[in-house]
Amino acid sequence: MKVVITGGAGFIGCNYVRHALAAHPDWQITVLDKLTYAGSRDNLPDSPRLTFVQADICDPAAVSEALAGARIVVHLAAESHVDRSIMGAYNTVQTNVMGTCVLLEAARQQAVERFLHVSTDEVYGPVEEGRVAEQAPLNACNPYSASKAGAEQLAYAYFVTYGLPVVITRPCNNYGPYQYPEKLVPLFVYRALRDEPLPVYGHGMQVRDWLHVDDHCRAMDVVLERGQVGEVYNIPAGNERPNIDIVRLILDELGKPATLIKHVQDRPGHDIRYAINGKKIAALGWRPQVPWEEGMRRTVRWFADHYEWLEARIQRDKDYFDMWYADRA
């Protein structure tokens, strides 16, 4: 069975490819990835059941060719960093909205049997109290989350208008190996190993629910296999922690002093808290399995043990890090 995974050379994508190769011996997997700064061919394992196609999801001809004969599409390709979307929204909107439209149209033409669109809990905007369920209104507050909200609305429209068998997920904050070091955990591991200041936005009390990528991969499978087409499924972890707690754990695991913490000006429109209700996916039989502290410490250690991997990626896009953190670190 041919399965196309977009963005498969990125963080969540390469972890899902590994999971899928082990969990689905009947899958022939095609990874479709542009290989932007965040994607690397060497993130992927070697397997006779894996085909790699380097292409832009905004290219209709390339997407149509890659999807030929596919029965399942798992759509993970995205510009996924809020900070970069704030620096310039165009690329984020182009990839996340128009790229999704191109994929949906190709999937419709190919009559795929299931299209999994992976969105984000950030589309709800800040949640000051309680946890939001899937029917809550969307209130995206930055260009990245707005683009993801637009993309999933397109996916739903293709279900309603054309009958495309779409399912949508809204996972919470992922962490784990192979995450590009623009995100908090790998970036702060890299800087701590170098005894450089860790630039914590504002007071550091912004709360996120931390989901290990292995649990996310299992959740995607559950939604693919048991989810109802046209439905949205939150994927929470039940591990709500303020960012400052993550920073302190990183320093503790690496044996580094708290004096490396440097509170800096907060980023514009920084949502204070995300929190989602997971009753719908729990009813399908999914529960997170990775304990938060164990998973986080294991992740910190993975990055510490792969310092050369971190260094190579930082150097690949050094202009961005120099520009964004020039006045913050």
Protein backbone atom coordinates (compact mmCIF):
# COMPACT_ATOMS: atom_id res chain seq x y z
CA MET A 1 0.00 0.00 0.00
CA LYS A 2 1.49 3.34 -1.04
CA VAL A 3 1.49 5.99 1.67
CA VAL A 4 2.76 9.53 1.06
CA ILE A 5 4.17 11.45 4.03
CA THR A 6 4.78 15.13 3.34
CA GLY A 7 7.49 16.82 5.37
CA GLY A 8 8.88 13.40 6.18
CA ALA A 9 12.47 14.66 6.47
CA GLY A 10 11.54 17.08 9.25
CA PHE A 11 11.16 16.53 12.98
CA ILE A 12 7.75 14.90 13.39
CA GLY A 13 7.91 13.50 9.88
CA CYS A 14 11.12 11.51 10.26
CA ASN A 15 9.94 10.13 13.59
CA TYR A 16 6.64 9.09 12.01
CA VAL A 17 8.48 7.45 9.09
CA ARG A 18 10.46 5.33 11.55
CA HIS A 19 7.30 4.47 13.45
CA ALA A 20 5.37 3.60 10.28
CA LEU A 21 8.11 1.36 8.87
CA ALA A 22 8.07 -0.64 12.11
CA ALA A 23 4.30 -0.65 12.67
CA HIS A 24 3.08 -1.17 9.08
CA PRO A 25 5.09 -3.80 7.19
CA ASP A 26 2.66 -3.56 4.25
CA TRP A 27 3.30 0.16 3.67
CA GLN A 28 5.41 1.43 0.81
CA ILE A 29 6.27 4.94 1.98
CA THR A 30 7.00 7.93 -0.23
CA VAL A 31 8.43 10.92 1.60
CA LEU A 32 7.73 14.22 -0.16
CA ASP A 33 9.93 16.98 1.23
CA LYS A 34 11.37 20.23 -0.12
CA LEU A 35 14.42 19.97 2.17
CA THR A 36 14.26 23.50 3.49
CA TYR A 37 16.49 24.49 6.40
CA ALA A 38 14.51 22.23 8.76
CA GLY A 39 14.54 19.03 6.71
CA SER A 40 17.47 16.70 6.10
CA ARG A 41 17.72 13.54 4.04
CA ASP A 42 20.00 12.06 6.70
CA ASN A 43 17.17 12.28 9.24
CA LEU A 44 15.58 9.34 7.44
CA PRO A 45 16.49 5.66 7.79
CA ASP A 46 17.49 3.47 4.87
CA SER A 47 14.76 1.05 3.88
CA PRO A 48 13.75 -0.73 0.66
CA ARG A 49 10.17 0.34 1.49
CA LEU A 50 11.07 4.04 1.53
CA THR A 51 11.19 6.32 -1.51
CA PHE A 52 12.30 9.93 -1.23
CA VAL A 53 11.03 12.69 -3.50
CA GLN A 54 12.47 16.18 -3.16
CA ALA A 55 9.77 18.62 -4.21
CA ASP A 56 7.78 21.63 -3.07
CA ILE A 57 4.19 20.95 -1.99
CA CYS A 58 3.29 24.18 -3.80
CA ASP A 59 4.28 22.57 -7.14
CA PRO A 60 1.11 20.94 -8.58
CA ALA A 61 2.92 18.80 -11.15
CA ALA A 62 5.43 17.40 -8.66
CA VAL A 63 2.73 16.75 -6.06
CA SER A 64 0.46 15.02 -8.57
CA GLU A 65 3.30 12.74 -9.65
CA ALA A 66 4.28 11.91 -6.06
CA LEU A 67 0.70 11.07 -5.08
CA ALA A 68 0.05 8.81 -8.07
CA GLY A 69 -1.31 5.51 -6.75
CA ALA A 70 -1.31 6.63 -3.11
CA ARG A 71 -4.02 5.32 -0.80
CA ILE A 72 -3.09 7.39 2.26
CA VAL A 73 -1.61 10.88 2.60
CA VAL A 74 -0.16 12.06 5.91
CA HIS A 75 0.35 15.80 5.62
CA LEU A 76 3.05 17.12 7.95
CA ALA A 77 4.90 19.55 5.68
CA ALA A 78 4.74 23.09 7.06
CA GLU A 79 6.61 26.20 7.99
CA SER A 80 6.25 25.53 11.70
CA HIS A 81 8.10 28.20 13.67
CA VAL A 82 6.17 31.11 15.16
CA ASP A 83 9.24 33.36 15.39
CA ARG A 84 9.98 32.97 11.68
CA SER A 85 6.35 33.71 10.79
CA ILE A 86 6.60 36.92 12.80
CA MET A 87 9.77 37.93 10.93
CA GLY A 88 7.93 37.42 7.63
CA ALA A 89 4.54 35.80 7.11
CA TYR A 90 4.60 35.25 3.35
CA ASN A 91 6.55 31.98 3.21
CA THR A 92 4.53 30.60 6.11
CA VAL A 93 1.20 31.36 4.43
CA GLN A 94 2.41 30.20 1.02
CA THR A 95 3.55 26.79 2.26
CA ASN A 96 0.92 26.13 4.90
CA VAL A 97 -2.15 27.35 3.01
CA MET A 98 -1.38 27.17 -0.69
CA GLY A 99 0.73 24.03 -0.31
CA THR A 100 -2.11 22.33 1.52
CA CYS A 101 -4.52 23.37 -1.24
CA VAL A 102 -2.26 21.81 -3.87
CA LEU A 103 -2.05 18.57 -1.88
CA LEU A 104 -5.80 18.40 -1.31
CA GLU A 105 -6.52 18.87 -5.00
CA ALA A 106 -4.01 16.18 -5.98
CA ALA A 107 -5.46 13.83 -3.36
CA ARG A 108 -8.94 14.46 -4.75
CA GLN A 109 -7.77 13.70 -8.28
CA GLN A 110 -6.10 10.50 -7.07
CA ALA A 111 -9.14 9.46 -4.99
CA VAL A 112 -7.03 8.68 -1.92
CA GLU A 113 -8.70 6.65 0.80
CA ARG A 114 -7.58 8.80 3.76
CA PHE A 115 -5.99 12.25 4.07
CA LEU A 116 -4.61 13.02 7.53
CA HIS A 117 -4.07 16.74 7.99
CA VAL A 118 -1.89 17.52 11.01
CA SER A 119 -2.69 20.95 12.43
CA THR A 120 -1.86 22.37 15.88
CA ASP A 121 -3.49 23.30 19.17
CA GLU A 122 -2.28 26.85 18.54
CA VAL A 123 -5.27 27.48 16.26
CA TYR A 124 -7.40 27.94 19.39
CA GLY A 125 -5.28 30.84 20.57
CA PRO A 126 -4.64 31.42 24.28
CA VAL A 127 -6.64 29.36 26.78
CA GLU A 128 -6.57 31.08 30.15
CA GLU A 129 -8.69 28.52 32.04
CA GLY A 130 -9.80 24.94 31.52
CA ARG A 131 -9.22 22.95 28.33
CA VAL A 132 -10.85 23.50 24.96
CA ALA A 133 -12.64 20.80 22.99
CA GLU A 134 -12.67 20.42 19.22
CA GLN A 135 -15.84 22.47 18.71
CA ALA A 136 -14.33 25.60 20.33
CA PRO A 137 -13.96 28.60 17.99
CA LEU A 138 -10.56 29.18 16.43
CA ASN A 139 -8.70 32.28 17.56
CA ALA A 140 -5.25 32.16 15.97
CA CYS A 141 -3.09 35.04 17.17
CA ASN A 142 0.11 34.85 15.10
CA PRO A 143 0.82 34.31 11.40
CA TYR A 144 1.86 30.68 11.91
CA SER A 145 -1.26 29.62 13.79
CA ALA A 146 -3.45 31.65 11.43
CA SER A 147 -1.96 29.81 8.45
CA LYS A 148 -2.59 26.45 10.12
CA ALA A 149 -6.19 27.44 10.86
CA GLY A 150 -6.66 28.40 7.22
CA ALA A 151 -5.11 25.16 6.02
CA GLU A 152 -7.34 22.95 8.12
CA GLN A 153 -10.42 24.92 7.06
CA LEU A 154 -9.45 24.14 3.46
CA ALA A 155 -9.06 20.48 4.36
CA TYR A 156 -12.52 20.43 5.93
CA ALA A 157 -13.95 22.23 2.89
CA TYR A 158 -12.57 19.50 0.63
CA PHE A 159 -14.36 16.94 2.79
CA VAL A 160 -17.68 18.79 2.64
CA THR A 161 -17.49 19.90 -0.99
CA TYR A 162 -15.83 16.94 -2.68
CA GLY A 163 -16.17 14.11 -0.18
CA LEU A 164 -12.41 13.80 0.28
CA PRO A 165 -11.92 11.49 3.30
CA VAL A 166 -10.11 14.01 5.48
CA VAL A 167 -9.31 13.68 9.19
CA ILE A 168 -7.71 16.53 11.10
CA THR A 169 -5.58 16.44 14.24
CA ARG A 170 -4.57 19.25 16.58
CA PRO A 171 -1.59 18.03 18.61
CA CYS A 172 -0.07 19.96 21.48
CA ASN A 173 3.61 20.94 21.79
CA ASN A 174 5.85 18.14 20.48
CA TYR A 175 9.34 17.33 21.72
CA GLY A 176 11.79 14.55 20.97
CA PRO A 177 14.85 13.63 18.86
CA TYR A 178 15.58 15.27 15.51
CA GLN A 179 13.75 18.51 16.36
CA TYR A 180 15.33 21.42 14.54
CA PRO A 181 17.22 23.68 16.99
CA GLU A 182 15.08 26.75 16.49
CA LYS A 183 12.70 25.26 19.07
CA LEU A 184 13.16 25.61 22.82
CA VAL A 185 14.55 22.23 23.88
CA PRO A 186 17.25 21.62 21.22
CA LEU A 187 18.23 25.31 21.08
CA PHE A 188 18.67 25.58 24.82
CA VAL A 189 20.56 22.28 25.01
CA TYR A 190 22.93 23.59 22.34
CA ARG A 191 23.46 26.92 24.10
CA ALA A 192 23.81 25.35 27.55
CA LEU A 193 26.47 22.94 26.28
CA ARG A 194 28.37 26.00 25.07
CA ASP A 195 27.76 27.88 28.36
CA GLU A 196 25.88 30.57 26.45
CA PRO A 197 22.90 32.50 27.91
CA LEU A 198 19.47 30.89 27.51
CA PRO A 199 17.14 33.68 26.28
CA VAL A 200 13.82 33.04 28.06
CA TYR A 201 10.94 35.09 26.68
CA GLY A 202 9.48 37.41 29.32
CA HIS A 203 8.79 35.79 32.68
CA GLY A 204 8.97 32.28 31.23
CA MET A 205 5.56 31.33 32.62
CA GLN A 206 3.97 30.61 29.23
CA VAL A 207 2.36 27.19 29.61
CA ARG A 208 2.51 24.43 27.00
CA ASP A 209 1.34 20.82 27.07
CA TRP A 210 4.40 18.71 26.19
CA LEU A 211 3.78 15.66 23.97
CA HIS A 212 6.58 13.24 23.18
CA VAL A 213 6.80 12.69 19.44
CA ASP A 214 6.52 8.88 19.88
CA ASP A 215 3.13 9.35 21.53
CA HIS A 216 2.13 11.66 18.70
CA CYS A 217 3.07 9.04 16.12
CA ARG A 218 0.88 6.48 17.87
CA ALA A 219 -1.96 9.00 17.97
CA MET A 220 -1.73 9.64 14.24
CA ASP A 221 -2.05 5.92 13.60
CA VAL A 222 -5.12 5.69 15.82
CA VAL A 223 -6.81 8.55 13.98
CA LEU A 224 -5.91 7.07 10.59
CA GLU A 225 -7.32 3.69 11.55
CA ARG A 226 -10.32 4.59 13.72
CA GLY A 227 -11.04 8.29 13.26
CA GLN A 228 -14.23 9.38 11.53
CA VAL A 229 -13.76 11.28 8.28
CA GLY A 230 -14.57 14.97 8.52
CA GLU A 231 -13.76 15.04 12.23
CA VAL A 232 -11.11 16.90 14.23
CA TYR A 233 -9.17 15.22 17.05
CA ASN A 234 -7.18 17.02 19.72
CA ILE A 235 -4.00 15.24 20.83
CA PRO A 236 -3.07 16.39 24.34
CA ALA A 237 -0.40 14.96 26.61
CA GLY A 238 -1.61 16.04 30.04
CA ASN A 239 1.84 17.50 30.74
CA GLU A 240 1.21 21.22 31.14
CA ARG A 241 4.40 22.97 32.21
CA PRO A 242 5.61 26.58 32.08
CA ASN A 243 8.57 27.15 29.80
CA ILE A 244 10.81 28.09 32.71
CA ASP A 245 10.37 24.57 34.16
CA ILE A 246 11.65 23.09 30.89
CA VAL A 247 14.66 25.39 30.99
CA ARG A 248 15.47 24.40 34.58
CA LEU A 249 15.19 20.70 33.74
CA ILE A 250 17.57 21.13 30.78
CA LEU A 251 20.13 22.82 33.01
CA ASP A 252 19.72 20.17 35.70
CA GLU A 253 20.15 17.28 33.25
CA LEU A 254 23.26 18.87 31.78
CA GLY A 255 24.70 19.90 35.13
CA LYS A 256 24.72 23.58 34.17
CA PRO A 257 24.05 26.57 36.47
CA ALA A 258 20.79 28.52 36.63
CA THR A 259 22.84 31.67 36.06
CA LEU A 260 22.71 30.85 32.33
CA ILE A 261 19.01 31.85 32.32
CA LYS A 262 18.53 35.29 30.80
CA HIS A 263 15.03 36.79 30.71
CA VAL A 264 14.61 38.79 27.49
CA GLN A 265 11.87 40.82 25.83
CA ASP A 266 8.88 38.64 25.02
CA ARG A 267 7.99 37.97 21.42
CA PRO A 268 4.98 39.82 19.95
CA GLY A 269 1.59 38.18 20.50
CA HIS A 270 2.98 35.40 22.69
CA ASP A 271 0.06 33.23 23.81
CA ILE A 272 0.24 32.62 27.55
CA ARG A 273 -1.26 29.12 27.64
CA TYR A 274 -2.54 26.33 25.40
CA ALA A 275 -4.67 23.53 26.82
CA ILE A 276 -6.85 21.03 24.95
CA ASN A 277 -9.40 18.40 25.88
CA GLY A 278 -8.60 14.88 24.66
CA LYS A 279 -11.84 13.00 25.26
CA LYS A 280 -12.48 12.33 21.56
CA ILE A 281 -9.16 10.62 20.87
CA ALA A 282 -9.31 8.82 24.23
CA ALA A 283 -12.59 7.30 23.05
CA LEU A 284 -10.64 5.81 20.13
CA GLY A 285 -8.34 4.05 22.60
CA TRP A 286 -5.30 6.33 22.62
CA ARG A 287 -3.42 7.42 25.74
CA PRO A 288 0.02 9.03 25.99
CA GLN A 289 2.59 6.53 27.26
CA VAL A 290 5.83 8.50 27.74
CA PRO A 291 6.14 10.00 31.27
CA TRP A 292 6.96 13.70 31.00
CA GLU A 293 10.17 13.94 33.02
CA GLU A 294 11.58 10.67 31.71
CA GLY A 295 10.83 11.65 28.12
CA MET A 296 12.19 15.16 28.49
CA ARG A 297 15.42 14.06 30.16
CA ARG A 298 15.91 11.37 27.54
CA THR A 299 15.39 14.00 24.82
CA VAL A 300 17.86 16.42 26.41
CA ARG A 301 20.41 13.62 26.59
CA TRP A 302 19.79 12.70 22.93
CA PHE A 303 20.63 16.23 21.83
CA ALA A 304 23.66 16.36 24.14
CA ASP A 305 24.89 13.09 22.61
CA HIS A 306 24.30 14.50 19.10
CA TYR A 307 26.07 17.82 19.49
CA GLU A 308 27.54 17.61 15.97
CA TRP A 309 24.02 17.15 14.58
CA LEU A 310 22.93 20.33 16.40
CA GLU A 311 26.00 22.27 15.32
CA ALA A 312 25.53 21.37 11.65
CA ARG A 313 21.96 22.63 11.68
CA ILE A 314 22.76 25.83 13.53
CA GLN A 315 25.52 26.62 11.05
CA ARG A 316 23.22 25.84 8.11
CA ASP A 317 20.95 28.74 9.06
CA LYS A 318 23.29 30.91 11.11
CA ASP A 319 21.95 34.17 9.62
CA TYR A 320 18.54 33.53 11.19
CA PHE A 321 19.94 32.82 14.64
CA ASP A 322 22.23 35.84 14.46
CA MET A 323 19.35 38.08 13.40
CA TRP A 324 16.61 36.89 15.77
CA TYR A 325 18.78 36.52 18.86
CA ALA A 326 21.15 39.45 18.27
CA ASP A 327 19.39 41.55 20.92
CA ARG A 328 18.06 38.66 22.96
CA ALA A 329 21.08 36.56 23.89
